Amino acid sequence: MSLTEWVHDLYTKNAEKLYKIAFYRLGRNADLAEDVVQDTYLVLLMKAEQVRHYECPEAWLMQTLNYNIKHIRQKQAKQKERELPLDN
């Protein structure tokens, strides 16, 4: 199986599950969930040759998704802090 076929197969088997996880962990925000899943697969595309040799590439996908979700939530928290009015 070519690398392109392998990535496509991994996507086909896991994209829906990753989306559902992202959707619920990001407050049921469909746009953010799609973005985080796309970001996860972009990282996979950049590291496909390396990840292909992992015993469980699905676990790598999940770990990368979790990192991306954490990063987005941190950005959201910082943005909310900046938006809070200052009380004197």
N, C-alpha and C. Protein backbone atom coordinates (compact mmCIF):
# COMPACT_ATOMS: atom_id res chain seq x y z
N MET A 1 0.85 -1.17 0.00
CA MET A 1 0.00 0.00 0.00
C MET A 1 0.90 1.24 0.00
N SER A 2 0.57 2.19 -0.87
CA SER A 2 1.37 3.42 -0.94
C SER A 2 1.11 4.27 0.31
N LEU A 3 1.98 5.24 0.52
CA LEU A 3 1.83 6.13 1.67
C LEU A 3 0.53 6.92 1.57
N THR A 4 0.19 7.37 0.38
CA THR A 4 -1.05 8.12 0.17
C THR A 4 -2.26 7.26 0.50
N GLU A 5 -2.24 6.03 0.06
CA GLU A 5 -3.35 5.11 0.34
C GLU A 5 -3.44 4.82 1.85
N TRP A 6 -2.29 4.68 2.48
CA TRP A 6 -2.26 4.42 3.92
C TRP A 6 -2.88 5.58 4.70
N VAL A 7 -2.51 6.82 4.35
CA VAL A 7 -3.07 8.00 5.01
C VAL A 7 -4.58 8.06 4.76
N HIS A 8 -4.99 7.82 3.53
CA HIS A 8 -6.42 7.85 3.20
C HIS A 8 -7.17 6.79 4.02
N ASP A 9 -6.62 5.62 4.13
CA ASP A 9 -7.24 4.54 4.89
C ASP A 9 -7.35 4.91 6.37
N LEU A 10 -6.28 5.47 6.92
CA LEU A 10 -6.28 5.89 8.31
C LEU A 10 -7.34 6.98 8.53
N TYR A 11 -7.45 7.89 7.58
CA TYR A 11 -8.46 8.95 7.66
C TYR A 11 -9.86 8.34 7.64
N THR A 12 -10.11 7.49 6.68
CA THR A 12 -11.43 6.88 6.52
C THR A 12 -11.86 6.13 7.78
N LYS A 13 -10.93 5.45 8.40
CA LYS A 13 -11.26 4.65 9.59
C LYS A 13 -11.42 5.48 10.85
N ASN A 14 -10.82 6.67 10.93
CA ASN A 14 -10.76 7.38 12.20
C ASN A 14 -11.36 8.78 12.22
N ALA A 15 -11.61 9.38 11.09
CA ALA A 15 -12.03 10.78 11.05
C ALA A 15 -13.32 11.03 11.83
N GLU A 16 -14.31 10.19 11.67
CA GLU A 16 -15.58 10.40 12.35
C GLU A 16 -15.42 10.33 13.87
N LYS A 17 -14.66 9.36 14.33
CA LYS A 17 -14.43 9.22 15.77
C LYS A 17 -13.68 10.43 16.32
N LEU A 18 -12.65 10.87 15.61
CA LEU A 18 -11.89 12.03 16.05
C LEU A 18 -12.77 13.28 16.08
N TYR A 19 -13.61 13.42 15.07
CA TYR A 19 -14.51 14.57 15.03
C TYR A 19 -15.45 14.56 16.22
N LYS A 20 -16.04 13.43 16.54
CA LYS A 20 -16.97 13.35 17.67
C LYS A 20 -16.28 13.71 18.98
N ILE A 21 -15.08 13.22 19.16
CA ILE A 21 -14.33 13.55 20.38
C ILE A 21 -14.07 15.05 20.44
N ALA A 22 -13.59 15.61 19.34
CA ALA A 22 -13.30 17.05 19.31
C ALA A 22 -14.58 17.86 19.51
N PHE A 23 -15.65 17.45 18.89
CA PHE A 23 -16.93 18.16 18.99
C PHE A 23 -17.37 18.28 20.45
N TYR A 24 -17.34 17.19 21.19
CA TYR A 24 -17.79 17.22 22.58
C TYR A 24 -16.80 17.92 23.50
N ARG A 25 -15.52 17.76 23.23
CA ARG A 25 -14.51 18.39 24.10
C ARG A 25 -14.36 19.88 23.84
N LEU A 26 -14.84 20.35 22.71
CA LEU A 26 -14.76 21.77 22.38
C LEU A 26 -16.13 22.46 22.48
N GLY A 27 -16.95 21.95 23.37
CA GLY A 27 -18.22 22.60 23.65
C GLY A 27 -19.24 22.51 22.54
N ARG A 28 -19.21 21.41 21.81
CA ARG A 28 -20.16 21.17 20.72
C ARG A 28 -20.07 22.23 19.62
N ASN A 29 -18.86 22.67 19.38
CA ASN A 29 -18.60 23.67 18.34
C ASN A 29 -18.13 22.94 17.08
N ALA A 30 -19.01 22.83 16.10
CA ALA A 30 -18.73 22.06 14.89
C ALA A 30 -17.56 22.63 14.10
N ASP A 31 -17.49 23.94 13.99
CA ASP A 31 -16.40 24.56 13.23
C ASP A 31 -15.05 24.28 13.87
N LEU A 32 -14.97 24.45 15.18
CA LEU A 32 -13.70 24.17 15.87
C LEU A 32 -13.34 22.69 15.77
N ALA A 33 -14.33 21.83 15.89
CA ALA A 33 -14.07 20.40 15.80
C ALA A 33 -13.50 20.03 14.42
N GLU A 34 -14.08 20.59 13.38
CA GLU A 34 -13.56 20.34 12.03
C GLU A 34 -12.14 20.86 11.89
N ASP A 35 -11.90 22.05 12.41
CA ASP A 35 -10.56 22.64 12.33
C ASP A 35 -9.52 21.78 13.03
N VAL A 36 -9.85 21.32 14.23
CA VAL A 36 -8.87 20.55 15.00
C VAL A 36 -8.59 19.19 14.35
N VAL A 37 -9.60 18.59 13.76
CA VAL A 37 -9.39 17.32 13.05
C VAL A 37 -8.54 17.56 11.80
N GLN A 38 -8.83 18.63 11.08
CA GLN A 38 -8.01 18.96 9.91
C GLN A 38 -6.56 19.22 10.30
N ASP A 39 -6.36 19.95 11.40
CA ASP A 39 -5.00 20.21 11.87
C ASP A 39 -4.28 18.91 12.23
N THR A 40 -5.02 17.99 12.83
CA THR A 40 -4.44 16.69 13.20
C THR A 40 -3.99 15.94 11.95
N TYR A 41 -4.80 15.95 10.92
CA TYR A 41 -4.42 15.25 9.69
C TYR A 41 -3.34 15.98 8.92
N LEU A 42 -3.25 17.29 9.05
CA LEU A 42 -2.13 18.01 8.43
C LEU A 42 -0.81 17.60 9.07
N VAL A 43 -0.81 17.45 10.38
CA VAL A 43 0.39 16.98 11.07
C VAL A 43 0.72 15.56 10.61
N LEU A 44 -0.31 14.73 10.47
CA LEU A 44 -0.09 13.38 9.98
C LEU A 44 0.55 13.40 8.60
N LEU A 45 0.05 14.25 7.72
CA LEU A 45 0.62 14.33 6.37
C LEU A 45 2.10 14.71 6.41
N MET A 46 2.44 15.60 7.32
CA MET A 46 3.84 16.02 7.43
C MET A 46 4.73 14.93 8.02
N LYS A 47 4.14 14.06 8.84
CA LYS A 47 4.93 13.04 9.54
C LYS A 47 4.54 11.62 9.14
N ALA A 48 3.87 11.48 8.02
CA ALA A 48 3.30 10.18 7.62
C ALA A 48 4.34 9.07 7.53
N GLU A 49 5.48 9.38 6.96
CA GLU A 49 6.51 8.35 6.80
C GLU A 49 6.95 7.81 8.15
N GLN A 50 7.07 8.68 9.13
CA GLN A 50 7.46 8.28 10.48
C GLN A 50 6.33 7.53 11.18
N VAL A 51 5.13 8.09 11.13
CA VAL A 51 3.97 7.52 11.83
C VAL A 51 3.58 6.17 11.25
N ARG A 52 3.81 5.99 9.99
CA ARG A 52 3.44 4.73 9.32
C ARG A 52 4.09 3.53 9.98
N HIS A 53 5.24 3.72 10.59
CA HIS A 53 5.97 2.61 11.21
C HIS A 53 5.60 2.38 12.67
N TYR A 54 4.72 3.21 13.20
CA TYR A 54 4.28 3.03 14.59
C TYR A 54 3.41 1.78 14.68
N GLU A 55 3.49 1.15 15.83
CA GLU A 55 2.68 -0.04 16.05
C GLU A 55 1.18 0.29 16.02
N CYS A 56 0.83 1.46 16.56
CA CYS A 56 -0.58 1.86 16.61
C CYS A 56 -0.72 3.32 16.17
N PRO A 57 -0.80 3.56 14.87
CA PRO A 57 -0.92 4.95 14.40
C PRO A 57 -2.20 5.64 14.87
N GLU A 58 -3.22 4.86 15.19
CA GLU A 58 -4.46 5.44 15.71
C GLU A 58 -4.21 6.12 17.05
N ALA A 59 -3.35 5.52 17.88
CA ALA A 59 -3.00 6.13 19.16
C ALA A 59 -2.25 7.44 18.93
N TRP A 60 -1.39 7.47 17.93
CA TRP A 60 -0.68 8.71 17.59
C TRP A 60 -1.69 9.79 17.17
N LEU A 61 -2.67 9.41 16.36
CA LEU A 61 -3.71 10.36 15.95
C LEU A 61 -4.44 10.92 17.17
N MET A 62 -4.82 10.05 18.08
CA MET A 62 -5.54 10.47 19.28
C MET A 62 -4.69 11.41 20.12
N GLN A 63 -3.43 11.09 20.29
CA GLN A 63 -2.54 11.93 21.07
C GLN A 63 -2.38 13.31 20.41
N THR A 64 -2.25 13.32 19.11
CA THR A 64 -2.11 14.58 18.38
C THR A 64 -3.40 15.38 18.46
N LEU A 65 -4.53 14.72 18.33
CA LEU A 65 -5.82 15.40 18.48
C LEU A 65 -5.93 16.02 19.87
N ASN A 66 -5.60 15.26 20.90
CA ASN A 66 -5.68 15.77 22.26
C ASN A 66 -4.77 16.98 22.46
N TYR A 67 -3.58 16.94 21.90
CA TYR A 67 -2.68 18.09 21.97
C TYR A 67 -3.31 19.30 21.28
N ASN A 68 -3.87 19.10 20.11
CA ASN A 68 -4.48 20.21 19.36
C ASN A 68 -5.69 20.79 20.10
N ILE A 69 -6.49 19.92 20.72
CA ILE A 69 -7.64 20.39 21.50
C ILE A 69 -7.14 21.21 22.69
N LYS A 70 -6.14 20.70 23.38
CA LYS A 70 -5.58 21.41 24.54
C LYS A 70 -5.08 22.79 24.12
N HIS A 71 -4.41 22.86 22.99
CA HIS A 71 -3.87 24.11 22.49
C HIS A 71 -5.00 25.11 22.20
N ILE A 72 -6.06 24.65 21.57
CA ILE A 72 -7.20 25.52 21.26
C ILE A 72 -7.87 26.01 22.54
N ARG A 73 -8.03 25.12 23.51
CA ARG A 73 -8.68 25.51 24.76
C ARG A 73 -7.84 26.52 25.52
N GLN A 74 -6.52 26.39 25.46
CA GLN A 74 -5.65 27.36 26.10
C GLN A 74 -5.78 28.72 25.42
N LYS A 75 -5.84 28.72 24.10
CA LYS A 75 -6.01 29.97 23.37
C LYS A 75 -7.35 30.62 23.72
N GLN A 76 -8.40 29.81 23.84
CA GLN A 76 -9.71 30.34 24.19
C GLN A 76 -9.69 30.96 25.59
N ALA A 77 -9.02 30.29 26.53
CA ALA A 77 -8.95 30.80 27.90
C ALA A 77 -8.21 32.13 27.95
N LYS A 78 -7.11 32.23 27.21
CA LYS A 78 -6.36 33.48 27.18
C LYS A 78 -7.19 34.60 26.56
N GLN A 79 -7.93 34.26 25.52
CA GLN A 79 -8.77 35.26 24.86
C GLN A 79 -9.86 35.75 25.81
N LYS A 80 -10.45 34.83 26.57
CA LYS A 80 -11.49 35.22 27.53
C LYS A 80 -10.91 36.12 28.61
N GLU A 81 -9.69 35.82 29.07
CA GLU A 81 -9.04 36.66 30.07
C GLU A 81 -8.87 38.08 29.56
N ARG A 82 -8.50 38.23 28.30
CA ARG A 82 -8.31 39.55 27.72
C ARG A 82 -9.61 40.29 27.54
N GLU A 83 -10.71 39.56 27.39
CA GLU A 83 -12.01 40.18 27.16
C GLU A 83 -12.72 40.59 28.45
N LEU A 84 -12.28 40.08 29.59
CA LEU A 84 -12.95 40.40 30.85
C LEU A 84 -12.73 41.88 31.19
N PRO A 85 -13.79 42.55 31.58
CA PRO A 85 -13.65 43.96 31.97
C PRO A 85 -12.92 44.06 33.29
N LEU A 86 -12.14 45.09 33.41
CA LEU A 86 -11.40 45.33 34.65
C LEU A 86 -12.28 46.13 35.60
N ASP A 87 -12.47 45.63 36.81
CA ASP A 87 -13.24 46.34 37.81
C ASP A 87 -12.28 47.09 38.73
N ASN A 88 -12.63 48.31 39.04
CA ASN A 88 -11.78 49.11 39.94
C ASN A 88 -12.31 49.09 41.34
